[in-house]
Amino acid sequence: MKKDCIKIIGLIICCIPAYGQSTLKDFKFDSWFGYELKGNPENSYCLLGTGFFRTPNSDNTDSLISTWTKQHPNAEVIPVYTSGPVMTDAPDSKQIYCWIVDNLDTLNIILVRRGCVPGGTMQRPQTWDEMDSKKRKLWYDDKKPNEQVHMDSKSYSDFLDKVIKAEKEAREKKLGVWDQKKE
């Protein structure tokens, strides 16, 4: 547990200089989407990296996010991956996959551990260079998107290891989306 704490604290320290300090009190989240209150309102922040439009989610997802964000106003909002523009009438708009971290808690991992969403939604989108097929690139009309990865591969890999453990725990306890009575 102490090693995980040190990694999370290191992750926060590494990210703050690059993006400035962004705390949750400067954001408004509605479900897993949010925006900066004083920043560019056309930018959309998302707690899920992939599959957020169609992912199964538990009935308590929105209330868990709302309660947690109110209880942790000083949590850090850490950008992981940015792409954009996302709106044709807003050329500077960005979609930002982020982690929200407060002390030893990461909201993204809590969502998985409680069965609110599957762990796969916490993967960041693949970059253009990571895409292995022409078919995938056609989603972008074969034009390289404007994207940026903000997280080093080691920190990202450590995070995914925690997500895998959290999903395993939720599956074993049959929580949320893993509750077989709901299927």
N, C-alpha and C. Protein backbone atom coordinates (compact mmCIF):
# COMPACT_ATOMS: atom_id res chain seq x y z
N MET A 1 0.82 -1.19 0.00
CA MET A 1 0.00 0.00 0.00
C MET A 1 0.87 1.26 0.00
N LYS A 2 1.95 1.26 0.80
CA LYS A 2 2.81 2.44 0.85
C LYS A 2 3.46 2.71 -0.49
N LYS A 3 3.85 1.65 -1.22
CA LYS A 3 4.46 1.83 -2.54
C LYS A 3 3.46 2.47 -3.49
N ASP A 4 2.18 2.06 -3.42
CA ASP A 4 1.15 2.66 -4.27
C ASP A 4 0.99 4.15 -3.94
N CYS A 5 1.02 4.48 -2.66
CA CYS A 5 0.90 5.88 -2.25
C CYS A 5 2.04 6.71 -2.79
N ILE A 6 3.23 6.19 -2.70
CA ILE A 6 4.41 6.91 -3.19
C ILE A 6 4.31 7.11 -4.70
N LYS A 7 3.84 6.09 -5.42
CA LYS A 7 3.69 6.21 -6.87
C LYS A 7 2.67 7.28 -7.23
N ILE A 8 1.54 7.30 -6.52
CA ILE A 8 0.50 8.29 -6.82
C ILE A 8 1.01 9.69 -6.52
N ILE A 9 1.68 9.87 -5.40
CA ILE A 9 2.23 11.19 -5.06
C ILE A 9 3.26 11.61 -6.10
N GLY A 10 4.11 10.67 -6.51
CA GLY A 10 5.09 10.97 -7.56
C GLY A 10 4.42 11.35 -8.86
N LEU A 11 3.35 10.67 -9.18
CA LEU A 11 2.59 10.97 -10.39
C LEU A 11 2.07 12.40 -10.35
N ILE A 12 1.51 12.79 -9.23
CA ILE A 12 0.99 14.15 -9.09
C ILE A 12 2.12 15.16 -9.23
N ILE A 13 3.22 14.93 -8.55
CA ILE A 13 4.34 15.86 -8.61
C ILE A 13 4.88 15.99 -10.03
N CYS A 14 4.94 14.88 -10.76
CA CYS A 14 5.43 14.91 -12.14
C CYS A 14 4.52 15.70 -13.05
N CYS A 15 3.23 15.64 -12.82
CA CYS A 15 2.28 16.26 -13.74
C CYS A 15 2.03 17.73 -13.45
N ILE A 16 2.13 18.17 -12.23
CA ILE A 16 1.80 19.55 -11.89
C ILE A 16 2.67 20.57 -12.63
N PRO A 17 3.99 20.40 -12.72
CA PRO A 17 4.76 21.41 -13.41
C PRO A 17 4.37 21.59 -14.88
N ALA A 18 3.97 20.53 -15.53
CA ALA A 18 3.64 20.61 -16.96
C ALA A 18 2.31 21.32 -17.20
N TYR A 19 1.37 21.24 -16.29
CA TYR A 19 0.04 21.75 -16.56
C TYR A 19 -0.43 22.77 -15.54
N GLY A 20 0.36 23.06 -14.56
CA GLY A 20 -0.10 23.94 -13.50
C GLY A 20 -1.00 23.15 -12.56
N GLN A 21 -1.27 23.72 -11.44
CA GLN A 21 -2.08 23.02 -10.47
C GLN A 21 -3.55 23.18 -10.83
N SER A 22 -4.21 22.06 -11.10
CA SER A 22 -5.64 22.06 -11.38
C SER A 22 -6.34 21.27 -10.30
N THR A 23 -7.14 21.94 -9.51
CA THR A 23 -7.86 21.23 -8.46
C THR A 23 -9.32 21.10 -8.84
N LEU A 24 -9.94 20.11 -8.28
CA LEU A 24 -11.31 19.78 -8.59
C LEU A 24 -12.27 20.93 -8.32
N LYS A 25 -11.96 21.77 -7.35
CA LYS A 25 -12.87 22.90 -7.06
C LYS A 25 -12.96 23.88 -8.23
N ASP A 26 -12.03 23.78 -9.18
CA ASP A 26 -12.06 24.63 -10.37
C ASP A 26 -12.83 24.00 -11.52
N PHE A 27 -13.51 22.87 -11.25
CA PHE A 27 -14.23 22.12 -12.28
C PHE A 27 -15.67 21.85 -11.87
N LYS A 28 -16.47 21.55 -12.84
CA LYS A 28 -17.84 21.07 -12.61
C LYS A 28 -17.97 19.76 -13.37
N PHE A 29 -18.27 18.68 -12.65
CA PHE A 29 -18.47 17.38 -13.27
C PHE A 29 -19.94 16.99 -13.17
N ASP A 30 -20.47 16.52 -14.28
CA ASP A 30 -21.80 15.96 -14.35
C ASP A 30 -21.62 14.56 -14.89
N SER A 31 -21.78 13.57 -14.03
CA SER A 31 -21.44 12.20 -14.37
C SER A 31 -19.94 12.15 -14.63
N TRP A 32 -19.50 11.47 -15.67
CA TRP A 32 -18.06 11.35 -15.89
C TRP A 32 -17.51 12.44 -16.81
N PHE A 33 -18.34 13.40 -17.20
CA PHE A 33 -17.88 14.54 -18.01
C PHE A 33 -17.81 15.79 -17.15
N GLY A 34 -16.81 16.62 -17.43
CA GLY A 34 -16.68 17.86 -16.69
C GLY A 34 -16.06 18.95 -17.54
N TYR A 35 -16.02 20.15 -16.97
CA TYR A 35 -15.39 21.29 -17.63
C TYR A 35 -14.82 22.22 -16.57
N GLU A 36 -13.86 23.03 -16.99
CA GLU A 36 -13.25 24.01 -16.09
C GLU A 36 -14.20 25.19 -15.91
N LEU A 37 -14.36 25.63 -14.68
CA LEU A 37 -15.25 26.76 -14.42
C LEU A 37 -14.67 28.07 -14.94
N LYS A 38 -13.35 28.23 -14.86
CA LYS A 38 -12.72 29.49 -15.29
C LYS A 38 -11.88 29.32 -16.55
N GLY A 39 -11.71 28.11 -17.01
CA GLY A 39 -10.87 27.86 -18.18
C GLY A 39 -11.69 27.92 -19.46
N ASN A 40 -11.28 27.16 -20.42
CA ASN A 40 -11.98 27.10 -21.69
C ASN A 40 -13.21 26.20 -21.55
N PRO A 41 -14.42 26.77 -21.52
CA PRO A 41 -15.63 25.95 -21.32
C PRO A 41 -15.91 25.00 -22.49
N GLU A 42 -15.22 25.19 -23.59
CA GLU A 42 -15.43 24.30 -24.74
C GLU A 42 -14.64 23.00 -24.59
N ASN A 43 -13.68 22.98 -23.67
CA ASN A 43 -12.94 21.75 -23.41
C ASN A 43 -13.80 20.83 -22.56
N SER A 44 -13.75 19.56 -22.87
CA SER A 44 -14.51 18.56 -22.14
C SER A 44 -13.53 17.60 -21.47
N TYR A 45 -13.66 17.46 -20.16
CA TYR A 45 -12.85 16.52 -19.40
C TYR A 45 -13.68 15.26 -19.19
N CYS A 46 -13.02 14.12 -19.22
CA CYS A 46 -13.74 12.86 -19.06
C CYS A 46 -12.96 11.93 -18.15
N LEU A 47 -13.67 11.28 -17.22
CA LEU A 47 -13.05 10.32 -16.31
C LEU A 47 -12.79 8.98 -16.97
N LEU A 48 -13.37 8.76 -18.14
CA LEU A 48 -13.20 7.51 -18.86
C LEU A 48 -12.39 7.77 -20.12
N GLY A 49 -11.47 6.87 -20.41
CA GLY A 49 -10.62 7.06 -21.56
C GLY A 49 -11.22 6.56 -22.85
N THR A 50 -11.79 5.37 -22.83
CA THR A 50 -12.36 4.79 -24.04
C THR A 50 -13.74 4.21 -23.74
N GLY A 51 -14.56 4.17 -24.76
CA GLY A 51 -15.85 3.51 -24.65
C GLY A 51 -16.90 4.23 -23.82
N PHE A 52 -16.68 5.51 -23.53
CA PHE A 52 -17.58 6.18 -22.61
C PHE A 52 -18.99 6.39 -23.15
N PHE A 53 -19.17 6.38 -24.46
CA PHE A 53 -20.52 6.58 -25.01
C PHE A 53 -21.41 5.35 -24.84
N ARG A 54 -20.81 4.17 -24.80
CA ARG A 54 -21.61 2.96 -24.79
C ARG A 54 -21.30 2.03 -23.62
N THR A 55 -20.51 2.47 -22.68
CA THR A 55 -20.12 1.56 -21.60
C THR A 55 -21.29 1.24 -20.68
N PRO A 56 -21.35 -0.01 -20.23
CA PRO A 56 -22.33 -0.30 -19.17
C PRO A 56 -21.88 0.42 -17.91
N ASN A 57 -22.85 0.88 -17.14
CA ASN A 57 -22.50 1.50 -15.87
C ASN A 57 -23.59 1.19 -14.85
N SER A 58 -23.20 1.22 -13.59
CA SER A 58 -24.16 0.89 -12.53
C SER A 58 -25.05 2.09 -12.23
N ASP A 59 -26.14 1.81 -11.57
CA ASP A 59 -27.12 2.85 -11.26
C ASP A 59 -26.58 3.93 -10.34
N ASN A 60 -25.57 3.62 -9.55
CA ASN A 60 -25.06 4.59 -8.58
C ASN A 60 -23.83 5.37 -9.08
N THR A 61 -23.48 5.24 -10.35
CA THR A 61 -22.28 5.90 -10.87
C THR A 61 -22.33 7.41 -10.67
N ASP A 62 -23.39 8.04 -11.11
CA ASP A 62 -23.48 9.50 -11.02
C ASP A 62 -23.46 9.99 -9.58
N SER A 63 -24.18 9.29 -8.68
CA SER A 63 -24.20 9.73 -7.28
C SER A 63 -22.83 9.52 -6.63
N LEU A 64 -22.13 8.45 -6.98
CA LEU A 64 -20.79 8.23 -6.43
C LEU A 64 -19.85 9.35 -6.88
N ILE A 65 -19.89 9.70 -8.17
CA ILE A 65 -19.03 10.78 -8.68
C ILE A 65 -19.38 12.09 -7.99
N SER A 66 -20.65 12.40 -7.88
CA SER A 66 -21.09 13.66 -7.26
C SER A 66 -20.66 13.73 -5.79
N THR A 67 -20.89 12.66 -5.06
CA THR A 67 -20.51 12.64 -3.64
C THR A 67 -19.01 12.74 -3.47
N TRP A 68 -18.26 11.95 -4.25
CA TRP A 68 -16.80 11.94 -4.11
C TRP A 68 -16.21 13.31 -4.45
N THR A 69 -16.68 13.92 -5.52
CA THR A 69 -16.12 15.21 -5.92
C THR A 69 -16.43 16.30 -4.88
N LYS A 70 -17.60 16.24 -4.26
CA LYS A 70 -17.93 17.21 -3.20
C LYS A 70 -17.05 17.00 -1.97
N GLN A 71 -16.72 15.74 -1.68
CA GLN A 71 -15.90 15.42 -0.51
C GLN A 71 -14.41 15.68 -0.73
N HIS A 72 -13.98 15.85 -1.97
CA HIS A 72 -12.56 16.01 -2.31
C HIS A 72 -12.34 17.23 -3.21
N PRO A 73 -12.72 18.43 -2.78
CA PRO A 73 -12.60 19.61 -3.65
C PRO A 73 -11.17 19.97 -4.01
N ASN A 74 -10.21 19.51 -3.23
CA ASN A 74 -8.81 19.83 -3.51
C ASN A 74 -8.08 18.71 -4.26
N ALA A 75 -8.83 17.73 -4.74
CA ALA A 75 -8.22 16.66 -5.53
C ALA A 75 -7.61 17.26 -6.79
N GLU A 76 -6.56 16.64 -7.27
CA GLU A 76 -5.87 17.09 -8.48
C GLU A 76 -6.54 16.49 -9.71
N VAL A 77 -6.74 17.30 -10.72
CA VAL A 77 -7.25 16.84 -12.01
C VAL A 77 -6.03 16.71 -12.91
N ILE A 78 -5.70 15.49 -13.27
CA ILE A 78 -4.47 15.21 -13.99
C ILE A 78 -4.78 14.77 -15.42
N PRO A 79 -4.43 15.59 -16.40
CA PRO A 79 -4.64 15.20 -17.80
C PRO A 79 -3.79 13.99 -18.16
N VAL A 80 -4.39 13.05 -18.90
CA VAL A 80 -3.70 11.86 -19.35
C VAL A 80 -3.52 11.89 -20.87
N TYR A 81 -4.59 12.28 -21.56
CA TYR A 81 -4.60 12.26 -23.03
C TYR A 81 -5.54 13.36 -23.51
N THR A 82 -5.10 14.11 -24.52
CA THR A 82 -5.92 15.18 -25.09
C THR A 82 -6.02 15.00 -26.59
N SER A 83 -7.21 15.23 -27.11
CA SER A 83 -7.39 15.27 -28.56
C SER A 83 -8.35 16.41 -28.89
N GLY A 84 -8.29 16.83 -30.11
CA GLY A 84 -9.20 17.91 -30.50
C GLY A 84 -8.76 18.55 -31.79
N PRO A 85 -9.55 19.42 -32.34
CA PRO A 85 -10.79 19.94 -31.76
C PRO A 85 -11.90 18.90 -31.78
N VAL A 86 -12.84 19.07 -30.85
CA VAL A 86 -13.96 18.14 -30.77
C VAL A 86 -15.27 18.77 -31.25
N MET A 87 -15.28 20.09 -31.45
CA MET A 87 -16.46 20.76 -31.98
C MET A 87 -16.05 21.57 -33.20
N THR A 88 -16.79 21.42 -34.28
CA THR A 88 -16.43 22.12 -35.51
C THR A 88 -16.54 23.63 -35.36
N ASP A 89 -17.47 24.10 -34.53
CA ASP A 89 -17.62 25.54 -34.34
C ASP A 89 -16.71 26.09 -33.23
N ALA A 90 -15.87 25.24 -32.66
CA ALA A 90 -14.92 25.65 -31.62
C ALA A 90 -13.57 25.02 -31.92
N PRO A 91 -12.77 25.65 -32.78
CA PRO A 91 -11.52 25.04 -33.22
C PRO A 91 -10.49 24.80 -32.12
N ASP A 92 -10.65 25.44 -30.97
CA ASP A 92 -9.72 25.23 -29.87
C ASP A 92 -10.23 24.21 -28.85
N SER A 93 -11.38 23.61 -29.09
CA SER A 93 -11.97 22.67 -28.13
C SER A 93 -11.17 21.38 -28.07
N LYS A 94 -11.07 20.83 -26.87
CA LYS A 94 -10.31 19.59 -26.63
C LYS A 94 -11.15 18.62 -25.81
N GLN A 95 -10.91 17.34 -26.03
CA GLN A 95 -11.44 16.27 -25.19
C GLN A 95 -10.26 15.78 -24.37
N ILE A 96 -10.37 15.83 -23.04
CA ILE A 96 -9.25 15.51 -22.16
C ILE A 96 -9.64 14.36 -21.23
N TYR A 97 -8.97 13.23 -21.41
CA TYR A 97 -9.13 12.12 -20.48
C TYR A 97 -8.27 12.44 -19.27
N CYS A 98 -8.86 12.38 -18.08
CA CYS A 98 -8.13 12.78 -16.88
C CYS A 98 -8.32 11.77 -15.75
N TRP A 99 -7.39 11.83 -14.83
CA TRP A 99 -7.51 11.11 -13.56
C TRP A 99 -7.76 12.17 -12.50
N ILE A 100 -8.55 11.81 -11.50
CA ILE A 100 -8.77 12.71 -10.37
C ILE A 100 -8.22 12.02 -9.14
N VAL A 101 -7.20 12.64 -8.54
CA VAL A 101 -6.44 12.02 -7.45
C VAL A 101 -6.44 12.93 -6.23
N ASP A 102 -6.76 12.35 -5.08
CA ASP A 102 -6.69 13.08 -3.82
C ASP A 102 -6.01 12.19 -2.79
N ASN A 103 -4.86 12.64 -2.34
CA ASN A 103 -4.08 11.87 -1.39
C ASN A 103 -3.88 10.44 -1.91
N LEU A 104 -4.54 9.49 -1.30
CA LEU A 104 -4.34 8.09 -1.67
C LEU A 104 -5.47 7.55 -2.55
N ASP A 105 -6.48 8.36 -2.81
CA ASP A 105 -7.62 7.93 -3.60
C ASP A 105 -7.53 8.43 -5.03
N THR A 106 -7.94 7.59 -5.96
CA THR A 106 -8.08 7.99 -7.36
C THR A 106 -9.52 7.66 -7.75
N LEU A 107 -10.29 8.68 -8.08
CA LEU A 107 -11.70 8.48 -8.39
C LEU A 107 -11.88 7.45 -9.51
N ASN A 108 -11.05 7.50 -10.51
CA ASN A 108 -11.17 6.57 -11.64
C ASN A 108 -11.10 5.11 -11.17
N ILE A 109 -10.16 4.83 -10.28
CA ILE A 109 -10.01 3.45 -9.78
C ILE A 109 -11.17 3.08 -8.87
N ILE A 110 -11.65 4.03 -8.09
CA ILE A 110 -12.80 3.77 -7.22
C ILE A 110 -14.01 3.38 -8.07
N LEU A 111 -14.20 4.05 -9.21
CA LEU A 111 -15.33 3.72 -10.09
C LEU A 111 -15.25 2.27 -10.56
N VAL A 112 -14.06 1.81 -10.85
CA VAL A 112 -13.88 0.42 -11.28
C VAL A 112 -14.05 -0.52 -10.10
N ARG A 113 -13.44 -0.21 -8.98
CA ARG A 113 -13.48 -1.08 -7.79
C ARG A 113 -14.91 -1.27 -7.29
N ARG A 114 -15.75 -0.26 -7.45
CA ARG A 114 -17.13 -0.36 -6.98
C ARG A 114 -18.07 -0.92 -8.06
N GLY A 115 -17.49 -1.29 -9.20
CA GLY A 115 -18.29 -1.89 -10.26
C GLY A 115 -19.12 -0.90 -11.05
N CYS A 116 -18.81 0.38 -10.94
CA CYS A 116 -19.57 1.40 -11.68
C CYS A 116 -19.35 1.27 -13.18
N VAL A 117 -18.12 0.98 -13.58
CA VAL A 117 -17.76 0.83 -15.00
C VAL A 117 -16.71 -0.28 -15.13
N PRO A 118 -16.63 -0.90 -16.31
CA PRO A 118 -15.57 -1.89 -16.53
C PRO A 118 -14.19 -1.21 -16.57
N GLY A 119 -13.18 -1.94 -16.21
CA GLY A 119 -11.82 -1.39 -16.18
C GLY A 119 -11.31 -0.94 -17.54
N GLY A 120 -11.77 -1.58 -18.60
CA GLY A 120 -11.31 -1.22 -19.94
C GLY A 120 -11.58 0.22 -20.31
N THR A 121 -12.55 0.85 -19.65
CA THR A 121 -12.86 2.25 -19.95
C THR A 121 -11.79 3.20 -19.43
N MET A 122 -10.89 2.69 -18.62
CA MET A 122 -9.83 3.53 -18.07
C MET A 122 -8.58 3.56 -18.95
N GLN A 123 -8.61 2.85 -20.06
CA GLN A 123 -7.49 2.93 -21.00
C GLN A 123 -7.60 4.23 -21.78
N ARG A 124 -6.49 4.84 -22.01
CA ARG A 124 -6.53 6.04 -22.85
C ARG A 124 -6.68 5.61 -24.30
N PRO A 125 -7.20 6.48 -25.14
CA PRO A 125 -7.28 6.13 -26.57
C PRO A 125 -5.89 5.87 -27.15
N GLN A 126 -5.85 5.04 -28.16
CA GLN A 126 -4.58 4.81 -28.85
C GLN A 126 -4.20 6.06 -29.64
N THR A 127 -2.93 6.33 -29.69
CA THR A 127 -2.48 7.44 -30.52
C THR A 127 -2.42 6.97 -31.97
N TRP A 128 -2.31 7.93 -32.86
CA TRP A 128 -2.20 7.63 -34.29
C TRP A 128 -1.07 6.64 -34.55
N ASP A 129 0.07 6.89 -33.94
CA ASP A 129 1.24 6.03 -34.16
C ASP A 129 1.06 4.64 -33.56
N GLU A 130 0.21 4.51 -32.54
CA GLU A 130 -0.03 3.21 -31.92
C GLU A 130 -1.06 2.37 -32.70
N MET A 131 -1.87 3.02 -33.51
CA MET A 131 -2.88 2.29 -34.27
C MET A 131 -2.20 1.36 -35.25
N ASP A 132 -2.64 0.10 -35.20
CA ASP A 132 -1.95 -0.92 -35.99
C ASP A 132 -2.60 -1.22 -37.33
N SER A 133 -3.67 -0.55 -37.65
CA SER A 133 -4.30 -0.88 -38.93
C SER A 133 -4.85 0.35 -39.63
N LYS A 134 -4.88 0.28 -40.92
CA LYS A 134 -5.45 1.34 -41.75
C LYS A 134 -6.94 1.52 -41.41
N LYS A 135 -7.61 0.40 -41.08
CA LYS A 135 -9.04 0.44 -40.76
C LYS A 135 -9.32 1.37 -39.58
N ARG A 136 -8.50 1.27 -38.55
CA ARG A 136 -8.69 2.14 -37.38
C ARG A 136 -8.46 3.61 -37.74
N LYS A 137 -7.50 3.85 -38.58
CA LYS A 137 -7.18 5.22 -38.96
C LYS A 137 -8.28 5.85 -39.82
N LEU A 138 -9.10 5.02 -40.44
CA LEU A 138 -10.21 5.54 -41.24
C LEU A 138 -11.24 6.27 -40.38
N TRP A 139 -11.29 5.95 -39.09
CA TRP A 139 -12.19 6.67 -38.18
C TRP A 139 -11.86 8.16 -38.18
N TYR A 140 -10.64 8.47 -38.48
CA TYR A 140 -10.17 9.86 -38.51
C TYR A 140 -10.06 10.36 -39.94
N ASP A 141 -10.78 9.72 -40.85
CA ASP A 141 -10.69 10.06 -42.28
C ASP A 141 -9.26 10.01 -42.76
N ASP A 142 -8.49 9.11 -42.13
CA ASP A 142 -7.08 8.90 -42.48
C ASP A 142 -6.22 10.16 -42.30
N LYS A 143 -6.70 11.08 -41.42
CA LYS A 143 -5.92 12.29 -41.10
C LYS A 143 -5.47 12.19 -39.65
N LYS A 144 -4.20 12.37 -39.44
CA LYS A 144 -3.65 12.27 -38.09
C LYS A 144 -4.34 13.30 -37.18
N PRO A 145 -4.93 12.83 -36.07
CA PRO A 145 -5.61 13.76 -35.17
C PRO A 145 -4.61 14.60 -34.37
N ASN A 146 -5.09 15.72 -33.88
CA ASN A 146 -4.31 16.56 -32.99
C ASN A 146 -4.45 15.94 -31.60
N GLU A 147 -3.42 15.26 -31.15
CA GLU A 147 -3.49 14.53 -29.88
C GLU A 147 -2.20 14.70 -29.09
N GLN A 148 -2.34 14.50 -27.80
CA GLN A 148 -1.16 14.60 -26.94
C GLN A 148 -1.33 13.65 -25.76
N VAL A 149 -0.29 12.88 -25.48
CA VAL A 149 -0.27 12.00 -24.31
C VAL A 149 0.52 12.75 -23.24
N HIS A 150 -0.08 12.90 -22.07
CA HIS A 150 0.54 13.67 -20.98
C HIS A 150 1.20 12.78 -19.93
N MET A 151 1.01 11.47 -20.05
CA MET A 151 1.45 10.55 -19.01
C MET A 151 2.58 9.67 -19.53
N ASP A 152 3.63 9.52 -18.73
CA ASP A 152 4.71 8.62 -19.14
C ASP A 152 4.23 7.18 -19.06
N SER A 153 4.86 6.32 -19.83
CA SER A 153 4.39 4.94 -19.95
C SER A 153 4.46 4.16 -18.64
N LYS A 154 5.43 4.43 -17.79
CA LYS A 154 5.55 3.72 -16.51
C LYS A 154 4.38 4.07 -15.59
N SER A 155 4.08 5.36 -15.44
CA SER A 155 2.96 5.77 -14.59
C SER A 155 1.65 5.23 -15.12
N TYR A 156 1.49 5.27 -16.44
CA TYR A 156 0.27 4.76 -17.06
C TYR A 156 0.15 3.25 -16.83
N SER A 157 1.22 2.52 -17.00
CA SER A 157 1.23 1.07 -16.78
C SER A 157 0.90 0.74 -15.33
N ASP A 158 1.48 1.49 -14.39
CA ASP A 158 1.19 1.28 -12.96
C ASP A 158 -0.29 1.51 -12.68
N PHE A 159 -0.85 2.55 -13.28
CA PHE A 159 -2.27 2.86 -13.12
C PHE A 159 -3.12 1.69 -13.65
N LEU A 160 -2.79 1.20 -14.85
CA LEU A 160 -3.56 0.09 -15.42
C LEU A 160 -3.48 -1.17 -14.57
N ASP A 161 -2.34 -1.41 -13.93
CA ASP A 161 -2.22 -2.54 -13.02
C ASP A 161 -3.23 -2.41 -11.87
N LYS A 162 -3.39 -1.21 -11.35
CA LYS A 162 -4.36 -0.95 -10.27
C LYS A 162 -5.79 -1.14 -10.78
N VAL A 163 -6.04 -0.71 -12.02
CA VAL A 163 -7.37 -0.88 -12.62
C VAL A 163 -7.71 -2.36 -12.75
N ILE A 164 -6.76 -3.16 -13.19
CA ILE A 164 -6.98 -4.60 -13.34
C ILE A 164 -7.33 -5.23 -11.99
N LYS A 165 -6.60 -4.86 -10.95
CA LYS A 165 -6.88 -5.38 -9.60
C LYS A 165 -8.26 -4.92 -9.13
N ALA A 166 -8.59 -3.66 -9.41
CA ALA A 166 -9.89 -3.12 -8.98
C ALA A 166 -11.04 -3.85 -9.68
N GLU A 167 -10.89 -4.11 -10.98
CA GLU A 167 -11.95 -4.82 -11.68
C GLU A 167 -12.09 -6.25 -11.17
N LYS A 168 -10.97 -6.90 -10.91
CA LYS A 168 -11.02 -8.26 -10.39
C LYS A 168 -11.79 -8.29 -9.06
N GLU A 169 -11.52 -7.32 -8.21
CA GLU A 169 -12.21 -7.22 -6.92
C GLU A 169 -13.72 -7.01 -7.14
N ALA A 170 -14.09 -6.13 -8.04
CA ALA A 170 -15.51 -5.86 -8.31
C ALA A 170 -16.20 -7.09 -8.89
N ARG A 171 -15.51 -7.80 -9.78
CA ARG A 171 -16.09 -9.02 -10.36
C ARG A 171 -16.31 -10.09 -9.28
N GLU A 172 -15.28 -10.28 -8.43
CA GLU A 172 -15.39 -11.29 -7.38
C GLU A 172 -16.53 -10.98 -6.42
N LYS A 173 -16.74 -9.71 -6.12
CA LYS A 173 -17.81 -9.30 -5.21
C LYS A 173 -19.15 -9.10 -5.92
N LYS A 174 -19.13 -9.24 -7.26
CA LYS A 174 -20.33 -9.06 -8.08
C LYS A 174 -20.97 -7.69 -7.84
N LEU A 175 -20.14 -6.67 -7.93
CA LEU A 175 -20.61 -5.31 -7.70
C LEU A 175 -21.01 -4.64 -9.02
N GLY A 176 -22.01 -3.78 -8.94
CA GLY A 176 -22.37 -2.93 -10.07
C GLY A 176 -22.63 -3.68 -11.37
N VAL A 177 -21.85 -3.35 -12.38
CA VAL A 177 -22.03 -3.96 -13.71
C VAL A 177 -21.75 -5.45 -13.69
N TRP A 178 -21.12 -5.95 -12.65
CA TRP A 178 -20.81 -7.38 -12.55
C TRP A 178 -21.86 -8.15 -11.76
N ASP A 179 -22.92 -7.47 -11.32
CA ASP A 179 -24.01 -8.11 -10.60
C ASP A 179 -24.83 -8.93 -11.59
N GLN A 180 -24.77 -10.25 -11.48
CA GLN A 180 -25.42 -11.13 -12.45
C GLN A 180 -26.94 -11.04 -12.41
N LYS A 181 -27.50 -10.53 -11.32
CA LYS A 181 -28.96 -10.37 -11.23
C LYS A 181 -29.44 -9.31 -12.22
N LYS A 182 -28.56 -8.39 -12.57
CA LYS A 182 -28.96 -7.29 -13.48
C LYS A 182 -28.85 -7.68 -14.94
N GLU A 183 -28.12 -8.74 -15.24
CA GLU A 183 -27.89 -9.12 -16.63
C GLU A 183 -29.13 -9.66 -17.30
